[in-house]
Amino acid sequence: MIVVVSDTLRTAELGCYGNAEMRTPCMDAFAAGGTRFARAFPESLPTIPVRRALHTGRRAYPFRDYRPVKWDIVYLPGWQAMDNEEDTLAENLAKAGYQTGFVTDTLPYFAPGFNFQRGFWQWEYIRGQQQDRWRSPFSMSEERLARYGDVAEFRKNLHGLVPMHLANTGHVRHEEDTSTARTFQWAMDFLNDNRAGQPFYLLVDCFDPHEPWEAPEEYYRLYGDPDYAGRRIVHCEYGPAERFGYTRDEIAYVKAQYRGLVTLFDTWFGRLLGRLDTLGLADNTAVFLISDHGTNFCDNPRNVIGKPQDAMFPGVVRLPFLARVPGNPGNTCDELVYNLDLTATLYDLASIQPSQDIDGQSLLPLLGGGDSGGWATRKYATCRYGHNLCYVDESTWVLMDIDGVLREVFDLKTDPDCQTPLPEGQIRDHLAATAWERLLHDAGGAFPDYREHRQTDAIGQRPVR
C-alpha cells in the first residue's frame, strides 16, 4: 500500500479535476484508471492537524487539549504532537508484519517531539524546505539576497523564511537536487529494497507545491512570463491582495511558480508509479494520492491570496483525492468523504482491526463503482482551522468563527465556486443556524477557546497566537 500526500495541492490546478491548462499527465492518467473523489474534505486544518488525523484515523477537531511545542515555527490550536496514548496506523501495520516506510520533506513534521515516525521500520526526513534549520543563512551573498527583496530588511532576521529558503536551496543545480526529487527517489529505493513479497506500507509526504513558490526554471516557463522583471515573491502575505499591494503581474508570477511546482510533483509521482510497474508491483499495490489543503489565488469574493484561517473557501478546503486499488475498476465518486476515511480504508485493505476506535469509514464500498452497501452516506462535513469554522453540505457552504459569528454563506446549487455570499435575510440565517447546530454537535459542545493563549516563538522574542 502506498499513500502519497502533496501539501497545498489544489483541485483547481489539476487536469483530472477539469483544468485544461495544467500539465499534470501522470495524475490525470492515474485518475483515469482509478477513482476520483469529487467531494473530499479535511476534518480539520492546517498541516499538522491533518497529519494527526491521517496517522491515527481519529479526528483532531475540535482541538481539545491543545499542547503547543517549544521551538516550533507555528502556534495554532491543534498544531501539536500526537498523543502518546494514541496508536498509529503504521504501528498497527508493523505489528501485523508490514514493512513500513515513511519519507517526507514536509518541514512541520521536523518539530522537536512530534514523533510522527512512530511505527515505521524505515524513515527519512529530506532536508531543505522553507525555513528548515539546516544550512546557514549567514553565508548568503548580498547579490543573491537582493534578487528577492530589500537586503537590509532580510538581514534584520536572517532566520526568516526567504533567507533560510535561499540558504537551503543554494546547492540546487538540477531538478534531481530538489527536495521533491530526493523525496521520491527515496521512495523508489524503498520499493527496490522491499519487493521480495512481504506486504509493505509506504507513506510519501511531499511539501510541494507549498510555499516557497519557486519552481525549477523549465517548470516555471510552462506557465509564466520568461521576461518577468518584477519582484521575486516566493511567499505571499495572507489576506486580500490589495492590502499588500500585490499587482496583477505579481500574482500571475506567483501562480505560475505554484503551477510549476505542481507539474514538478506530477513528474516525480509518475516516476514512482513507473517504478511500481518496472518492479512488477503495480497489479497488487493499492495507491492513494491526497492533499492536506489547497490555497487561495484571489479566486474568492474577498480577493484573498494564501490561506488565512478565516478564508476557508473551496480553493483551500476542496481536496484532490485519487485512489487505485487492484481489482476495482474505478469511477468518479460524489459521496462526501473525509481525509481520515483513507486511514480506515488502509486498515480494511490490510484486514486488521485498529487497536483503538477510529472516526473514518472504509472507502472500499465506494471504489468499485457498484453497490455502496456498507458505506454510511454523510450529510455534511465540519472543519476547524485556528479560531474559525467551515461547514459544507450538499447545497450550502458556511464560514463562521468559534463563537458562531457568521462571515459568509454560499448556495452551492447556484454558486458552486462560492463567489457571491448570500445577502442577509431569513434564508441565510436559517442555513447558518443549521450549520452552527451541526458544528457544535460534532464538537461535542462549545469549542475550546485559545485566543488568550500565548506561546513564545523559537527564541522567546515575541508572543504568537
Foldseek 3Di string as FASTA:
>chain_A
DEEEAEAQDFLCQDVCSPNPLADQVLVNVQQQQFEWEQFEFAQADDDQQSLLCQFQLAHCPPQPPADDDAQAFDDFRSLAAHDPVGHTLLQVVVVVFAQEEEEEQAPSCPGPPNPSCPNHPYYYHQYQPFLGPDFDLVPDDLVVVVLAHDSVVCVVPCSHGPSSNCRSCVPDDDLCPDSLNVLLVVVLVVCVVPLPDTHYYYYRYYHPPDFQLAAPPVLLVSQADPPDDDHNRRDDDWFAPVVVPDDPNNLSSSVSSRSSRVNSNSVSVSVSCVSCVVSVNNQADKYKYKYRFHWDSLLAQRRTGGCDQQPRFSRTTGMTIIIDHHPARYDYDHFNAYPSLVSQQVCVVSVHDDPDDRDHHHCVLVTRVDHSPPDDGDQKHKYHYRQKIWIDGPFKIFIDGLVLHGDFMDGCVVCVRHHDGDDDDDVVVVVSVVRNVVSQVVNVHRRDDCPVPWDAHNVRDDTDD
